Amino acid sequence: AIKLSQKKSKPWILNTYLNSVYYGNH
């Protein structure tokens, strides 16, 4: 997580998280 935070910007990490996290019901 530290390495990723150093390599990628905060907006990129948040956008990638929002596009990959599981919200239920497939």
mmCIF file of all heavy atoms, coordinates in Angstrom:
data_MODEL
# 
_entry.id   MODEL 
# 
loop_
_atom_site.group_PDB 
_atom_site.id 
_atom_site.type_symbol 
_atom_site.label_atom_id 
_atom_site.label_alt_id 
_atom_site.label_comp_id 
_atom_site.label_asym_id 
_atom_site.label_entity_id 
_atom_site.label_seq_id 
_atom_site.pdbx_PDB_ins_code 
_atom_site.Cartn_x 
_atom_site.Cartn_y 
_atom_site.Cartn_z 
_atom_site.occupancy 
_atom_site.B_iso_or_equiv 
_atom_site.pdbx_formal_charge 
_atom_site.auth_seq_id 
_atom_site.auth_comp_id 
_atom_site.auth_asym_id 
_atom_site.auth_atom_id 
_atom_site.pdbx_PDB_model_num 
ATOM 1   N N   . ALA A 1 1  ? 0.836   -1.202  0.000   1.00 0.00 ? 1  ALA A N   1 
ATOM 2   C CA  . ALA A 1 1  ? 0.000   0.000   0.000   1.00 0.00 ? 1  ALA A CA  1 
ATOM 3   C C   . ALA A 1 1  ? 0.872   1.254   0.000   1.00 0.00 ? 1  ALA A C   1 
ATOM 4   O O   . ALA A 1 1  ? 0.571   2.240   -0.696  1.00 0.00 ? 1  ALA A O   1 
ATOM 5   C CB  . ALA A 1 1  ? -0.925  -0.005  1.214   1.00 0.00 ? 1  ALA A CB  1 
ATOM 6   N N   . ILE A 1 2  ? 1.955   1.214   0.772   1.00 0.00 ? 2  ILE A N   1 
ATOM 7   C CA  . ILE A 1 2  ? 2.880   2.349   0.796   1.00 0.00 ? 2  ILE A CA  1 
ATOM 8   C C   . ILE A 1 2  ? 3.528   2.520   -0.576  1.00 0.00 ? 2  ILE A C   1 
ATOM 9   O O   . ILE A 1 2  ? 3.611   3.635   -1.116  1.00 0.00 ? 2  ILE A O   1 
ATOM 10  C CB  . ILE A 1 2  ? 3.960   2.142   1.878   1.00 0.00 ? 2  ILE A CB  1 
ATOM 11  C CG1 . ILE A 1 2  ? 3.312   2.168   3.257   1.00 0.00 ? 2  ILE A CG1 1 
ATOM 12  C CG2 . ILE A 1 2  ? 5.043   3.205   1.777   1.00 0.00 ? 2  ILE A CG2 1 
ATOM 13  C CD1 . ILE A 1 2  ? 4.256   1.795   4.386   1.00 0.00 ? 2  ILE A CD1 1 
ATOM 14  N N   . LYS A 1 3  ? 3.970   1.408   -1.168  1.00 0.00 ? 3  LYS A N   1 
ATOM 15  C CA  . LYS A 1 3  ? 4.596   1.464   -2.486  1.00 0.00 ? 3  LYS A CA  1 
ATOM 16  C C   . LYS A 1 3  ? 3.623   1.991   -3.542  1.00 0.00 ? 3  LYS A C   1 
ATOM 17  O O   . LYS A 1 3  ? 3.988   2.815   -4.391  1.00 0.00 ? 3  LYS A O   1 
ATOM 18  C CB  . LYS A 1 3  ? 5.086   0.068   -2.897  1.00 0.00 ? 3  LYS A CB  1 
ATOM 19  C CG  . LYS A 1 3  ? 6.191   -0.504  -2.029  1.00 0.00 ? 3  LYS A CG  1 
ATOM 20  C CD  . LYS A 1 3  ? 7.507   0.214   -2.287  1.00 0.00 ? 3  LYS A CD  1 
ATOM 21  C CE  . LYS A 1 3  ? 8.653   -0.446  -1.529  1.00 0.00 ? 3  LYS A CE  1 
ATOM 22  N NZ  . LYS A 1 3  ? 9.028   -1.769  -2.047  1.00 0.00 ? 3  LYS A NZ  1 
ATOM 23  N N   . LEU A 1 4  ? 2.385   1.500   -3.490  1.00 0.00 ? 4  LEU A N   1 
ATOM 24  C CA  . LEU A 1 4  ? 1.387   1.936   -4.470  1.00 0.00 ? 4  LEU A CA  1 
ATOM 25  C C   . LEU A 1 4  ? 1.080   3.419   -4.300  1.00 0.00 ? 4  LEU A C   1 
ATOM 26  O O   . LEU A 1 4  ? 0.910   4.148   -5.287  1.00 0.00 ? 4  LEU A O   1 
ATOM 27  C CB  . LEU A 1 4  ? 0.108   1.110   -4.312  1.00 0.00 ? 4  LEU A CB  1 
ATOM 28  C CG  . LEU A 1 4  ? -0.983  1.357   -5.360  1.00 0.00 ? 4  LEU A CG  1 
ATOM 29  C CD1 . LEU A 1 4  ? -0.486  0.958   -6.751  1.00 0.00 ? 4  LEU A CD1 1 
ATOM 30  C CD2 . LEU A 1 4  ? -2.255  0.579   -5.017  1.00 0.00 ? 4  LEU A CD2 1 
ATOM 31  N N   . SER A 1 5  ? 1.005   3.871   -3.047  1.00 0.00 ? 5  SER A N   1 
ATOM 32  C CA  . SER A 1 5  ? 0.731   5.272   -2.777  1.00 0.00 ? 5  SER A CA  1 
ATOM 33  C C   . SER A 1 5  ? 1.857   6.169   -3.283  1.00 0.00 ? 5  SER A C   1 
ATOM 34  O O   . SER A 1 5  ? 1.616   7.311   -3.694  1.00 0.00 ? 5  SER A O   1 
ATOM 35  C CB  . SER A 1 5  ? 0.529   5.474   -1.269  1.00 0.00 ? 5  SER A CB  1 
ATOM 36  O OG  . SER A 1 5  ? 0.066   6.768   -0.996  1.00 0.00 ? 5  SER A OG  1 
ATOM 37  N N   . GLN A 1 6  ? 3.083   5.651   -3.276  1.00 0.00 ? 6  GLN A N   1 
ATOM 38  C CA  . GLN A 1 6  ? 4.217   6.413   -3.794  1.00 0.00 ? 6  GLN A CA  1 
ATOM 39  C C   . GLN A 1 6  ? 4.240   6.429   -5.322  1.00 0.00 ? 6  GLN A C   1 
ATOM 40  O O   . GLN A 1 6  ? 4.696   7.390   -5.939  1.00 0.00 ? 6  GLN A O   1 
ATOM 41  C CB  . GLN A 1 6  ? 5.526   5.804   -3.265  1.00 0.00 ? 6  GLN A CB  1 
ATOM 42  C CG  . GLN A 1 6  ? 5.705   5.964   -1.766  1.00 0.00 ? 6  GLN A CG  1 
ATOM 43  C CD  . GLN A 1 6  ? 6.869   5.145   -1.228  1.00 0.00 ? 6  GLN A CD  1 
ATOM 44  O OE1 . GLN A 1 6  ? 7.414   4.275   -1.930  1.00 0.00 ? 6  GLN A OE1 1 
ATOM 45  N NE2 . GLN A 1 6  ? 7.260   5.407   0.014   1.00 0.00 ? 6  GLN A NE2 1 
ATOM 46  N N   . LYS A 1 7  ? 3.715   5.364   -5.924  1.00 0.00 ? 7  LYS A N   1 
ATOM 47  C CA  . LYS A 1 7  ? 3.766   5.225   -7.377  1.00 0.00 ? 7  LYS A CA  1 
ATOM 48  C C   . LYS A 1 7  ? 2.584   5.887   -8.083  1.00 0.00 ? 7  LYS A C   1 
ATOM 49  O O   . LYS A 1 7  ? 2.726   6.425   -9.183  1.00 0.00 ? 7  LYS A O   1 
ATOM 50  C CB  . LYS A 1 7  ? 3.815   3.728   -7.738  1.00 0.00 ? 7  LYS A CB  1 
ATOM 51  C CG  . LYS A 1 7  ? 3.979   3.451   -9.217  1.00 0.00 ? 7  LYS A CG  1 
ATOM 52  C CD  . LYS A 1 7  ? 4.105   1.948   -9.475  1.00 0.00 ? 7  LYS A CD  1 
ATOM 53  C CE  . LYS A 1 7  ? 4.286   1.663   -10.966 1.00 0.00 ? 7  LYS A CE  1 
ATOM 54  N NZ  . LYS A 1 7  ? 4.435   0.200   -11.227 1.00 0.00 ? 7  LYS A NZ  1 
ATOM 55  N N   . LYS A 1 8  ? 1.398   5.817   -7.462  1.00 0.00 ? 8  LYS A N   1 
ATOM 56  C CA  . LYS A 1 8  ? 0.181   6.322   -8.092  1.00 0.00 ? 8  LYS A CA  1 
ATOM 57  C C   . LYS A 1 8  ? -0.390  7.493   -7.299  1.00 0.00 ? 8  LYS A C   1 
ATOM 58  O O   . LYS A 1 8  ? -0.182  7.611   -6.092  1.00 0.00 ? 8  LYS A O   1 
ATOM 59  C CB  . LYS A 1 8  ? -0.874  5.217   -8.189  1.00 0.00 ? 8  LYS A CB  1 
ATOM 60  C CG  . LYS A 1 8  ? -0.455  4.023   -9.041  1.00 0.00 ? 8  LYS A CG  1 
ATOM 61  C CD  . LYS A 1 8  ? -0.374  4.384   -10.514 1.00 0.00 ? 8  LYS A CD  1 
ATOM 62  C CE  . LYS A 1 8  ? -0.108  3.142   -11.362 1.00 0.00 ? 8  LYS A CE  1 
ATOM 63  N NZ  . LYS A 1 8  ? -0.030  3.473   -12.814 1.00 0.00 ? 8  LYS A NZ  1 
ATOM 64  N N   . SER A 1 9  ? -1.164  8.335   -7.996  1.00 0.00 ? 9  SER A N   1 
ATOM 65  C CA  . SER A 1 9  ? -1.780  9.487   -7.340  1.00 0.00 ? 9  SER A CA  1 
ATOM 66  C C   . SER A 1 9  ? -2.986  9.052   -6.523  1.00 0.00 ? 9  SER A C   1 
ATOM 67  O O   . SER A 1 9  ? -3.563  7.982   -6.746  1.00 0.00 ? 9  SER A O   1 
ATOM 68  C CB  . SER A 1 9  ? -2.219  10.512  -8.389  1.00 0.00 ? 9  SER A CB  1 
ATOM 69  O OG  . SER A 1 9  ? -3.293  10.001  -9.162  1.00 0.00 ? 9  SER A OG  1 
ATOM 70  N N   . LYS A 1 10 ? -3.382  9.888   -5.586  1.00 0.00 ? 10 LYS A N   1 
ATOM 71  C CA  . LYS A 1 10 ? -4.572  9.613   -4.765  1.00 0.00 ? 10 LYS A CA  1 
ATOM 72  C C   . LYS A 1 10 ? -5.836  9.471   -5.621  1.00 0.00 ? 10 LYS A C   1 
ATOM 73  O O   . LYS A 1 10 ? -6.621  8.530   -5.413  1.00 0.00 ? 10 LYS A O   1 
ATOM 74  C CB  . LYS A 1 10 ? -4.754  10.718  -3.724  1.00 0.00 ? 10 LYS A CB  1 
ATOM 75  C CG  . LYS A 1 10 ? -3.743  10.697  -2.591  1.00 0.00 ? 10 LYS A CG  1 
ATOM 76  C CD  . LYS A 1 10 ? -4.059  9.583   -1.600  1.00 0.00 ? 10 LYS A CD  1 
ATOM 77  C CE  . LYS A 1 10 ? -3.170  9.664   -0.379  1.00 0.00 ? 10 LYS A CE  1 
ATOM 78  N NZ  . LYS A 1 10 ? -3.501  8.626   0.625   1.00 0.00 ? 10 LYS A NZ  1 
ATOM 79  N N   . PRO A 1 11 ? -6.072  10.393  -6.580  1.00 0.00 ? 11 PRO A N   1 
ATOM 80  C CA  . PRO A 1 11 ? -7.280  10.228  -7.419  1.00 0.00 ? 11 PRO A CA  1 
ATOM 81  C C   . PRO A 1 11 ? -7.276  8.911   -8.188  1.00 0.00 ? 11 PRO A C   1 
ATOM 82  O O   . PRO A 1 11 ? -8.324  8.280   -8.346  1.00 0.00 ? 11 PRO A O   1 
ATOM 83  C CB  . PRO A 1 11 ? -7.211  11.435  -8.365  1.00 0.00 ? 11 PRO A CB  1 
ATOM 84  C CG  . PRO A 1 11 ? -6.441  12.468  -7.596  1.00 0.00 ? 11 PRO A CG  1 
ATOM 85  C CD  . PRO A 1 11 ? -5.413  11.688  -6.838  1.00 0.00 ? 11 PRO A CD  1 
ATOM 86  N N   . TRP A 1 12 ? -6.106  8.473   -8.682  1.00 0.00 ? 12 TRP A N   1 
ATOM 87  C CA  . TRP A 1 12 ? -6.030  7.212   -9.433  1.00 0.00 ? 12 TRP A CA  1 
ATOM 88  C C   . TRP A 1 12 ? -6.396  6.036   -8.538  1.00 0.00 ? 12 TRP A C   1 
ATOM 89  O O   . TRP A 1 12 ? -7.152  5.144   -8.943  1.00 0.00 ? 12 TRP A O   1 
ATOM 90  C CB  . TRP A 1 12 ? -4.619  7.014   -9.991  1.00 0.00 ? 12 TRP A CB  1 
ATOM 91  C CG  . TRP A 1 12 ? -4.472  5.790   -10.855 1.00 0.00 ? 12 TRP A CG  1 
ATOM 92  C CD1 . TRP A 1 12 ? -4.604  5.720   -12.203 1.00 0.00 ? 12 TRP A CD1 1 
ATOM 93  C CD2 . TRP A 1 12 ? -4.194  4.444   -10.406 1.00 0.00 ? 12 TRP A CD2 1 
ATOM 94  N NE1 . TRP A 1 12 ? -4.430  4.427   -12.640 1.00 0.00 ? 12 TRP A NE1 1 
ATOM 95  C CE2 . TRP A 1 12 ? -4.170  3.616   -11.561 1.00 0.00 ? 12 TRP A CE2 1 
ATOM 96  C CE3 . TRP A 1 12 ? -3.962  3.863   -9.162  1.00 0.00 ? 12 TRP A CE3 1 
ATOM 97  C CZ2 . TRP A 1 12 ? -3.918  2.249   -11.492 1.00 0.00 ? 12 TRP A CZ2 1 
ATOM 98  C CZ3 . TRP A 1 12 ? -3.724  2.503   -9.095  1.00 0.00 ? 12 TRP A CZ3 1 
ATOM 99  C CH2 . TRP A 1 12 ? -3.703  1.703   -10.252 1.00 0.00 ? 12 TRP A CH2 1 
ATOM 100 N N   . ILE A 1 13 ? -5.844  6.013   -7.327  1.00 0.00 ? 13 ILE A N   1 
ATOM 101 C CA  . ILE A 1 13 ? -6.114  4.906   -6.399  1.00 0.00 ? 13 ILE A CA  1 
ATOM 102 C C   . ILE A 1 13 ? -7.599  4.855   -6.049  1.00 0.00 ? 13 ILE A C   1 
ATOM 103 O O   . ILE A 1 13 ? -8.221  3.785   -6.056  1.00 0.00 ? 13 ILE A O   1 
ATOM 104 C CB  . ILE A 1 13 ? -5.257  5.055   -5.127  1.00 0.00 ? 13 ILE A CB  1 
ATOM 105 C CG1 . ILE A 1 13 ? -3.775  4.846   -5.464  1.00 0.00 ? 13 ILE A CG1 1 
ATOM 106 C CG2 . ILE A 1 13 ? -5.697  4.064   -4.047  1.00 0.00 ? 13 ILE A CG2 1 
ATOM 107 C CD1 . ILE A 1 13 ? -2.820  5.159   -4.322  1.00 0.00 ? 13 ILE A CD1 1 
ATOM 108 N N   . LEU A 1 14 ? -8.192  6.009   -5.751  1.00 0.00 ? 14 LEU A N   1 
ATOM 109 C CA  . LEU A 1 14 ? -9.606  6.046   -5.379  1.00 0.00 ? 14 LEU A CA  1 
ATOM 110 C C   . LEU A 1 14 ? -10.479 5.609   -6.542  1.00 0.00 ? 14 LEU A C   1 
ATOM 111 O O   . LEU A 1 14 ? -11.430 4.832   -6.369  1.00 0.00 ? 14 LEU A O   1 
ATOM 112 C CB  . LEU A 1 14 ? -9.992  7.453   -4.923  1.00 0.00 ? 14 LEU A CB  1 
ATOM 113 C CG  . LEU A 1 14 ? -11.440 7.645   -4.462  1.00 0.00 ? 14 LEU A CG  1 
ATOM 114 C CD1 . LEU A 1 14 ? -11.784 6.697   -3.319  1.00 0.00 ? 14 LEU A CD1 1 
ATOM 115 C CD2 . LEU A 1 14 ? -11.678 9.097   -4.043  1.00 0.00 ? 14 LEU A CD2 1 
ATOM 116 N N   . ASN A 1 15 ? -10.161 6.076   -7.754  1.00 0.00 ? 15 ASN A N   1 
ATOM 117 C CA  . ASN A 1 15 ? -10.950 5.691   -8.929  1.00 0.00 ? 15 ASN A CA  1 
ATOM 118 C C   . ASN A 1 15 ? -10.853 4.192   -9.189  1.00 0.00 ? 15 ASN A C   1 
ATOM 119 O O   . ASN A 1 15 ? -11.864 3.526   -9.478  1.00 0.00 ? 15 ASN A O   1 
ATOM 120 C CB  . ASN A 1 15 ? -10.470 6.472   -10.157 1.00 0.00 ? 15 ASN A CB  1 
ATOM 121 C CG  . ASN A 1 15 ? -11.174 6.038   -11.432 1.00 0.00 ? 15 ASN A CG  1 
ATOM 122 O OD1 . ASN A 1 15 ? -10.672 5.209   -12.194 1.00 0.00 ? 15 ASN A OD1 1 
ATOM 123 N ND2 . ASN A 1 15 ? -12.353 6.575   -11.670 1.00 0.00 ? 15 ASN A ND2 1 
ATOM 124 N N   . THR A 1 16 ? -9.648  3.641   -9.066  1.00 0.00 ? 16 THR A N   1 
ATOM 125 C CA  . THR A 1 16 ? -9.460  2.204   -9.300  1.00 0.00 ? 16 THR A CA  1 
ATOM 126 C C   . THR A 1 16 ? -10.209 1.385   -8.253  1.00 0.00 ? 16 THR A C   1 
ATOM 127 O O   . THR A 1 16 ? -10.811 0.352   -8.568  1.00 0.00 ? 16 THR A O   1 
ATOM 128 C CB  . THR A 1 16 ? -7.963  1.850   -9.277  1.00 0.00 ? 16 THR A CB  1 
ATOM 129 O OG1 . THR A 1 16 ? -7.271  2.681   -10.210 1.00 0.00 ? 16 THR A OG1 1 
ATOM 130 C CG2 . THR A 1 16 ? -7.742  0.396   -9.661  1.00 0.00 ? 16 THR A CG2 1 
ATOM 131 N N   . TYR A 1 17 ? -10.169 1.845   -7.020  1.00 0.00 ? 17 TYR A N   1 
ATOM 132 C CA  . TYR A 1 17 ? -10.916 1.165   -5.953  1.00 0.00 ? 17 TYR A CA  1 
ATOM 133 C C   . TYR A 1 17 ? -12.415 1.172   -6.246  1.00 0.00 ? 17 TYR A C   1 
ATOM 134 O O   . TYR A 1 17 ? -13.082 0.129   -6.162  1.00 0.00 ? 17 TYR A O   1 
ATOM 135 C CB  . TYR A 1 17 ? -10.635 1.849   -4.617  1.00 0.00 ? 17 TYR A CB  1 
ATOM 136 C CG  . TYR A 1 17 ? -11.488 1.337   -3.470  1.00 0.00 ? 17 TYR A CG  1 
ATOM 137 C CD1 . TYR A 1 17 ? -11.146 0.183   -2.784  1.00 0.00 ? 17 TYR A CD1 1 
ATOM 138 C CD2 . TYR A 1 17 ? -12.653 2.015   -3.087  1.00 0.00 ? 17 TYR A CD2 1 
ATOM 139 C CE1 . TYR A 1 17 ? -11.930 -0.293  -1.747  1.00 0.00 ? 17 TYR A CE1 1 
ATOM 140 C CE2 . TYR A 1 17 ? -13.436 1.539   -2.046  1.00 0.00 ? 17 TYR A CE2 1 
ATOM 141 C CZ  . TYR A 1 17 ? -13.081 0.393   -1.384  1.00 0.00 ? 17 TYR A CZ  1 
ATOM 142 O OH  . TYR A 1 17 ? -13.867 -0.073  -0.365  1.00 0.00 ? 17 TYR A OH  1 
ATOM 143 N N   . LEU A 1 18 ? -12.939 2.325   -6.604  1.00 0.00 ? 18 LEU A N   1 
ATOM 144 C CA  . LEU A 1 18 ? -14.376 2.447   -6.869  1.00 0.00 ? 18 LEU A CA  1 
ATOM 145 C C   . LEU A 1 18 ? -14.812 1.609   -8.063  1.00 0.00 ? 18 LEU A C   1 
ATOM 146 O O   . LEU A 1 18 ? -15.974 1.227   -8.171  1.00 0.00 ? 18 LEU A O   1 
ATOM 147 C CB  . LEU A 1 18 ? -14.752 3.914   -7.101  1.00 0.00 ? 18 LEU A CB  1 
ATOM 148 C CG  . LEU A 1 18 ? -14.698 4.815   -5.859  1.00 0.00 ? 18 LEU A CG  1 
ATOM 149 C CD1 . LEU A 1 18 ? -14.819 6.283   -6.256  1.00 0.00 ? 18 LEU A CD1 1 
ATOM 150 C CD2 . LEU A 1 18 ? -15.803 4.441   -4.875  1.00 0.00 ? 18 LEU A CD2 1 
ATOM 151 N N   . ASN A 1 19 ? -13.882 1.315   -8.970  1.00 0.00 ? 19 ASN A N   1 
ATOM 152 C CA  . ASN A 1 19 ? -14.210 0.523   -10.152 1.00 0.00 ? 19 ASN A CA  1 
ATOM 153 C C   . ASN A 1 19 ? -13.966 -0.969  -9.967  1.00 0.00 ? 19 ASN A C   1 
ATOM 154 O O   . ASN A 1 19 ? -14.247 -1.752  -10.881 1.00 0.00 ? 19 ASN A O   1 
ATOM 155 C CB  . ASN A 1 19 ? -13.397 1.011   -11.357 1.00 0.00 ? 19 ASN A CB  1 
ATOM 156 C CG  . ASN A 1 19 ? -14.035 2.191   -12.047 1.00 0.00 ? 19 ASN A CG  1 
ATOM 157 O OD1 . ASN A 1 19 ? -15.183 2.114   -12.487 1.00 0.00 ? 19 ASN A OD1 1 
ATOM 158 N ND2 . ASN A 1 19 ? -13.322 3.297   -12.140 1.00 0.00 ? 19 ASN A ND2 1 
ATOM 159 N N   . SER A 1 20 ? -13.451 -1.385  -8.813  1.00 0.00 ? 20 SER A N   1 
ATOM 160 C CA  . SER A 1 20 ? -13.124 -2.802  -8.647  1.00 0.00 ? 20 SER A CA  1 
ATOM 161 C C   . SER A 1 20 ? -13.724 -3.439  -7.399  1.00 0.00 ? 20 SER A C   1 
ATOM 162 O O   . SER A 1 20 ? -13.818 -4.659  -7.317  1.00 0.00 ? 20 SER A O   1 
ATOM 163 C CB  . SER A 1 20 ? -11.603 -2.986  -8.599  1.00 0.00 ? 20 SER A CB  1 
ATOM 164 O OG  . SER A 1 20 ? -11.035 -2.245  -7.535  1.00 0.00 ? 20 SER A OG  1 
ATOM 165 N N   . VAL A 1 21 ? -14.147 -2.641  -6.416  1.00 0.00 ? 21 VAL A N   1 
ATOM 166 C CA  . VAL A 1 21 ? -14.641 -3.200  -5.163  1.00 0.00 ? 21 VAL A CA  1 
ATOM 167 C C   . VAL A 1 21 ? -15.995 -3.881  -5.379  1.00 0.00 ? 21 VAL A C   1 
ATOM 168 O O   . VAL A 1 21 ? -16.768 -3.492  -6.270  1.00 0.00 ? 21 VAL A O   1 
ATOM 169 C CB  . VAL A 1 21 ? -14.737 -2.100  -4.076  1.00 0.00 ? 21 VAL A CB  1 
ATOM 170 C CG1 . VAL A 1 21 ? -15.871 -1.123  -4.374  1.00 0.00 ? 21 VAL A CG1 1 
ATOM 171 C CG2 . VAL A 1 21 ? -14.889 -2.723  -2.696  1.00 0.00 ? 21 VAL A CG2 1 
ATOM 172 N N   . TYR A 1 22 ? -16.283 -4.902  -4.563  1.00 0.00 ? 22 TYR A N   1 
ATOM 173 C CA  . TYR A 1 22 ? -17.508 -5.691  -4.707  1.00 0.00 ? 22 TYR A CA  1 
ATOM 174 C C   . TYR A 1 22 ? -18.644 -5.064  -3.908  1.00 0.00 ? 22 TYR A C   1 
ATOM 175 O O   . TYR A 1 22 ? -18.515 -4.786  -2.715  1.00 0.00 ? 22 TYR A O   1 
ATOM 176 C CB  . TYR A 1 22 ? -17.263 -7.119  -4.221  1.00 0.00 ? 22 TYR A CB  1 
ATOM 177 C CG  . TYR A 1 22 ? -18.442 -8.043  -4.405  1.00 0.00 ? 22 TYR A CG  1 
ATOM 178 C CD1 . TYR A 1 22 ? -19.064 -8.178  -5.641  1.00 0.00 ? 22 TYR A CD1 1 
ATOM 179 C CD2 . TYR A 1 22 ? -18.943 -8.788  -3.339  1.00 0.00 ? 22 TYR A CD2 1 
ATOM 180 C CE1 . TYR A 1 22 ? -20.138 -9.030  -5.814  1.00 0.00 ? 22 TYR A CE1 1 
ATOM 181 C CE2 . TYR A 1 22 ? -20.017 -9.648  -3.500  1.00 0.00 ? 22 TYR A CE2 1 
ATOM 182 C CZ  . TYR A 1 22 ? -20.604 -9.761  -4.745  1.00 0.00 ? 22 TYR A CZ  1 
ATOM 183 O OH  . TYR A 1 22 ? -21.683 -10.593 -4.910  1.00 0.00 ? 22 TYR A OH  1 
ATOM 184 N N   . TYR A 1 23 ? -19.785 -4.845  -4.582  1.00 0.00 ? 23 TYR A N   1 
ATOM 185 C CA  . TYR A 1 23 ? -20.957 -4.228  -3.949  1.00 0.00 ? 23 TYR A CA  1 
ATOM 186 C C   . TYR A 1 23 ? -22.105 -5.209  -3.727  1.00 0.00 ? 23 TYR A C   1 
ATOM 187 O O   . TYR A 1 23 ? -23.204 -4.804  -3.367  1.00 0.00 ? 23 TYR A O   1 
ATOM 188 C CB  . TYR A 1 23 ? -21.464 -3.059  -4.808  1.00 0.00 ? 23 TYR A CB  1 
ATOM 189 C CG  . TYR A 1 23 ? -20.573 -1.851  -4.763  1.00 0.00 ? 23 TYR A CG  1 
ATOM 190 C CD1 . TYR A 1 23 ? -19.565 -1.672  -5.705  1.00 0.00 ? 23 TYR A CD1 1 
ATOM 191 C CD2 . TYR A 1 23 ? -20.714 -0.871  -3.783  1.00 0.00 ? 23 TYR A CD2 1 
ATOM 192 C CE1 . TYR A 1 23 ? -18.737 -0.558  -5.672  1.00 0.00 ? 23 TYR A CE1 1 
ATOM 193 C CE2 . TYR A 1 23 ? -19.897 0.241   -3.740  1.00 0.00 ? 23 TYR A CE2 1 
ATOM 194 C CZ  . TYR A 1 23 ? -18.914 0.390   -4.692  1.00 0.00 ? 23 TYR A CZ  1 
ATOM 195 O OH  . TYR A 1 23 ? -18.090 1.489   -4.644  1.00 0.00 ? 23 TYR A OH  1 
ATOM 196 N N   . GLY A 1 24 ? -21.861 -6.489  -3.932  1.00 0.00 ? 24 GLY A N   1 
ATOM 197 C CA  . GLY A 1 24 ? -22.915 -7.482  -3.742  1.00 0.00 ? 24 GLY A CA  1 
ATOM 198 C C   . GLY A 1 24 ? -23.735 -7.694  -4.994  1.00 0.00 ? 24 GLY A C   1 
ATOM 199 O O   . GLY A 1 24 ? -23.686 -6.911  -5.954  1.00 0.00 ? 24 GLY A O   1 
ATOM 200 N N   . ASN A 1 25 ? -24.497 -8.786  -5.015  1.00 0.00 ? 25 ASN A N   1 
ATOM 201 C CA  . ASN A 1 25 ? -25.376 -9.122  -6.147  1.00 0.00 ? 25 ASN A CA  1 
ATOM 202 C C   . ASN A 1 25 ? -24.640 -9.089  -7.487  1.00 0.00 ? 25 ASN A C   1 
ATOM 203 O O   . ASN A 1 25 ? -25.135 -8.547  -8.480  1.00 0.00 ? 25 ASN A O   1 
ATOM 204 C CB  . ASN A 1 25 ? -26.596 -8.201  -6.160  1.00 0.00 ? 25 ASN A CB  1 
ATOM 205 C CG  . ASN A 1 25 ? -27.583 -8.518  -5.067  1.00 0.00 ? 25 ASN A CG  1 
ATOM 206 O OD1 . ASN A 1 25 ? -28.275 -9.536  -5.096  1.00 0.00 ? 25 ASN A OD1 1 
ATOM 207 N ND2 . ASN A 1 25 ? -27.630 -7.652  -4.053  1.00 0.00 ? 25 ASN A ND2 1 
ATOM 208 N N   . HIS A 1 26 ? -23.431 -9.660  -7.503  1.00 0.00 ? 26 HIS A N   1 
ATOM 209 C CA  . HIS A 1 26 ? -22.603 -9.830  -8.702  1.00 0.00 ? 26 HIS A CA  1 
ATOM 210 C C   . HIS A 1 26 ? -22.111 -8.512  -9.297  1.00 0.00 ? 26 HIS A C   1 
ATOM 211 O O   . HIS A 1 26 ? -21.639 -8.502  -10.444 1.00 0.00 ? 26 HIS A O   1 
ATOM 212 C CB  . HIS A 1 26 ? -23.366 -10.619 -9.771  1.00 0.00 ? 26 HIS A CB  1 
ATOM 213 C CG  . HIS A 1 26 ? -23.975 -11.890 -9.286  1.00 0.00 ? 26 HIS A CG  1 
ATOM 214 N ND1 . HIS A 1 26 ? -23.222 -12.985 -8.916  1.00 0.00 ? 26 HIS A ND1 1 
ATOM 215 C CD2 . HIS A 1 26 ? -25.266 -12.239 -9.052  1.00 0.00 ? 26 HIS A CD2 1 
ATOM 216 C CE1 . HIS A 1 26 ? -24.019 -13.956 -8.503  1.00 0.00 ? 26 HIS A CE1 1 
ATOM 217 N NE2 . HIS A 1 26 ? -25.260 -13.533 -8.564  1.00 0.00 ? 26 HIS A NE2 1 
# 
